[in-house]
């Protein structure tokens, strides 16, 4: 399970994870919040893990995809 933290400073989105993360956690909670925050400019991402029991295969895949997508959109890694 993952939930978005509400008391974050501007430009920062935060989440608290507990138990086992699943693909649905990324799809329903993380991705919408990240897309909304990224539309406003640069984003910093914080995750607090309490009682973390790992990730399902689907969650691991979503995390990998998210990392690749963000890397490809980052100017530091742009070709040229």
C-alpha atoms as a PDB file:
ATOM      1  CA  UNK A   1       0.000   0.000   0.000  1.00  0.00           C
ATOM      2  CA  UNK A   2       1.169   3.516  -0.761  1.00  0.00           C
ATOM      3  CA  UNK A   3      -0.429   6.835   0.057  1.00  0.00           C
ATOM      4  CA  UNK A   4       0.468  10.372  -0.888  1.00  0.00           C
ATOM      5  CA  UNK A   5       1.745  12.655   1.872  1.00  0.00           C
ATOM      6  CA  UNK A   6      -0.057  15.985   2.048  1.00  0.00           C
ATOM      7  CA  UNK A   7       2.284  18.299   3.988  1.00  0.00           C
ATOM      8  CA  UNK A   8       5.132  18.600   1.504  1.00  0.00           C
ATOM      9  CA  UNK A   9       6.917  21.820   0.508  1.00  0.00           C
ATOM     10  CA  UNK A  10       6.395  23.275  -2.975  1.00  0.00           C
ATOM     11  CA  UNK A  11       8.083  21.239  -5.706  1.00  0.00           C
ATOM     12  CA  UNK A  12       8.134  18.065  -3.590  1.00  0.00           C
ATOM     13  CA  UNK A  13       5.761  15.120  -3.694  1.00  0.00           C
ATOM     14  CA  UNK A  14       5.911  12.501  -0.991  1.00  0.00           C
ATOM     15  CA  UNK A  15       4.541   9.049  -0.356  1.00  0.00           C
ATOM     16  CA  UNK A  16       4.424   6.616   2.522  1.00  0.00           C
ATOM     17  CA  UNK A  17       4.699   2.928   1.679  1.00  0.00           C
ATOM     18  CA  UNK A  18       3.785   0.028   3.943  1.00  0.00           C
ATOM     19  CA  UNK A  19       3.351  -3.662   3.336  1.00  0.00           C
ATOM     20  CA  UNK A  20       3.924  -4.968  -0.178  1.00  0.00           C
ATOM     21  CA  UNK A  21       3.804  -2.538  -3.094  1.00  0.00           C
ATOM     22  CA  UNK A  22       1.764  -3.611  -6.108  1.00  0.00           C
ATOM     23  CA  UNK A  23       1.478  -2.364  -9.683  1.00  0.00           C
ATOM     24  CA  UNK A  24      -1.864  -0.767  -8.786  1.00  0.00           C
ATOM     25  CA  UNK A  25      -0.111   1.417  -6.216  1.00  0.00           C
ATOM     26  CA  UNK A  26       1.996   2.941  -8.972  1.00  0.00           C
ATOM     27  CA  UNK A  27      -0.855   3.180 -11.478  1.00  0.00           C
ATOM     28  CA  UNK A  28      -3.462   4.627  -9.113  1.00  0.00           C
ATOM     29  CA  UNK A  29      -1.385   6.721  -6.686  1.00  0.00           C
ATOM     30  CA  UNK A  30       2.200   7.438  -7.764  1.00  0.00           C
ATOM     31  CA  UNK A  31       1.853   8.066 -11.504  1.00  0.00           C
ATOM     32  CA  UNK A  32      -1.082  10.507 -11.329  1.00  0.00           C
ATOM     33  CA  UNK A  33       0.634  12.546  -8.607  1.00  0.00           C
ATOM     34  CA  UNK A  34       3.950  12.556 -10.455  1.00  0.00           C
ATOM     35  CA  UNK A  35       2.368  13.556 -13.762  1.00  0.00           C
ATOM     36  CA  UNK A  36       0.467  16.397 -12.103  1.00  0.00           C
ATOM     37  CA  UNK A  37       3.561  17.639 -10.267  1.00  0.00           C
ATOM     38  CA  UNK A  38       5.802  17.354 -13.343  1.00  0.00           C
ATOM     39  CA  UNK A  39       3.392  19.531 -15.334  1.00  0.00           C
ATOM     40  CA  UNK A  40       4.227  22.331 -12.889  1.00  0.00           C
ATOM     41  CA  UNK A  41       7.994  22.044 -13.387  1.00  0.00           C
ATOM     42  CA  UNK A  42      10.846  20.337 -11.568  1.00  0.00           C
ATOM     43  CA  UNK A  43       9.795  17.764  -8.963  1.00  0.00           C
ATOM     44  CA  UNK A  44      11.541  16.168  -6.027  1.00  0.00           C
ATOM     45  CA  UNK A  45      10.256  12.794  -4.914  1.00  0.00           C
ATOM     46  CA  UNK A  46      10.334  11.470  -1.326  1.00  0.00           C
ATOM     47  CA  UNK A  47       9.181   8.063  -0.162  1.00  0.00           C
ATOM     48  CA  UNK A  48       8.956   6.936   3.465  1.00  0.00           C
ATOM     49  CA  UNK A  49       8.955   3.178   3.921  1.00  0.00           C
ATOM     50  CA  UNK A  50       7.476   1.830   7.139  1.00  0.00           C
ATOM     51  CA  UNK A  51       6.999  -1.888   7.613  1.00  0.00           C
ATOM     52  CA  UNK A  52       8.026  -2.522   3.995  1.00  0.00           C
ATOM     53  CA  UNK A  53       7.498  -6.117   2.800  1.00  0.00           C
ATOM     54  CA  UNK A  54       8.829  -5.793  -0.751  1.00  0.00           C
ATOM     55  CA  UNK A  55       7.301  -5.373  -4.173  1.00  0.00           C
ATOM     56  CA  UNK A  56       5.259  -7.572  -6.438  1.00  0.00           C
ATOM     57  CA  UNK A  57       6.638  -8.306  -9.899  1.00  0.00           C
ATOM     58  CA  UNK A  58       4.149  -5.844 -11.361  1.00  0.00           C
ATOM     59  CA  UNK A  59       5.239  -3.091  -8.973  1.00  0.00           C
ATOM     60  CA  UNK A  60       8.884  -3.729  -9.789  1.00  0.00           C
ATOM     61  CA  UNK A  61       8.078  -3.429 -13.508  1.00  0.00           C
ATOM     62  CA  UNK A  62       6.160  -0.160 -12.937  1.00  0.00           C
ATOM     63  CA  UNK A  63       9.085   1.243 -10.939  1.00  0.00           C
ATOM     64  CA  UNK A  64      11.529   0.333 -13.696  1.00  0.00           C
ATOM     65  CA  UNK A  65       9.313   1.890 -16.383  1.00  0.00           C
ATOM     66  CA  UNK A  66       8.910   5.051 -14.322  1.00  0.00           C
ATOM     67  CA  UNK A  67      12.672   5.372 -13.920  1.00  0.00           C
ATOM     68  CA  UNK A  68      13.308   4.931 -17.637  1.00  0.00           C
ATOM     69  CA  UNK A  69      10.573   7.377 -18.624  1.00  0.00           C
ATOM     70  CA  UNK A  70      11.879  10.000 -16.213  1.00  0.00           C
ATOM     71  CA  UNK A  71      15.466   9.469 -17.362  1.00  0.00           C
ATOM     72  CA  UNK A  72      14.421   9.988 -20.982  1.00  0.00           C
ATOM     73  CA  UNK A  73      12.634  13.244 -20.136  1.00  0.00           C
ATOM     74  CA  UNK A  74      15.490  14.660 -18.016  1.00  0.00           C
ATOM     75  CA  UNK A  75      17.626  17.333 -19.767  1.00  0.00           C
ATOM     76  CA  UNK A  76      20.761  15.992 -18.066  1.00  0.00           C
ATOM     77  CA  UNK A  77      20.484  12.823 -20.152  1.00  0.00           C
ATOM     78  CA  UNK A  78      19.351  14.408 -23.430  1.00  0.00           C
ATOM     79  CA  UNK A  79      21.400  13.688 -26.534  1.00  0.00           C
ATOM     80  CA  UNK A  80      23.436  16.510 -27.956  1.00  0.00           C
END
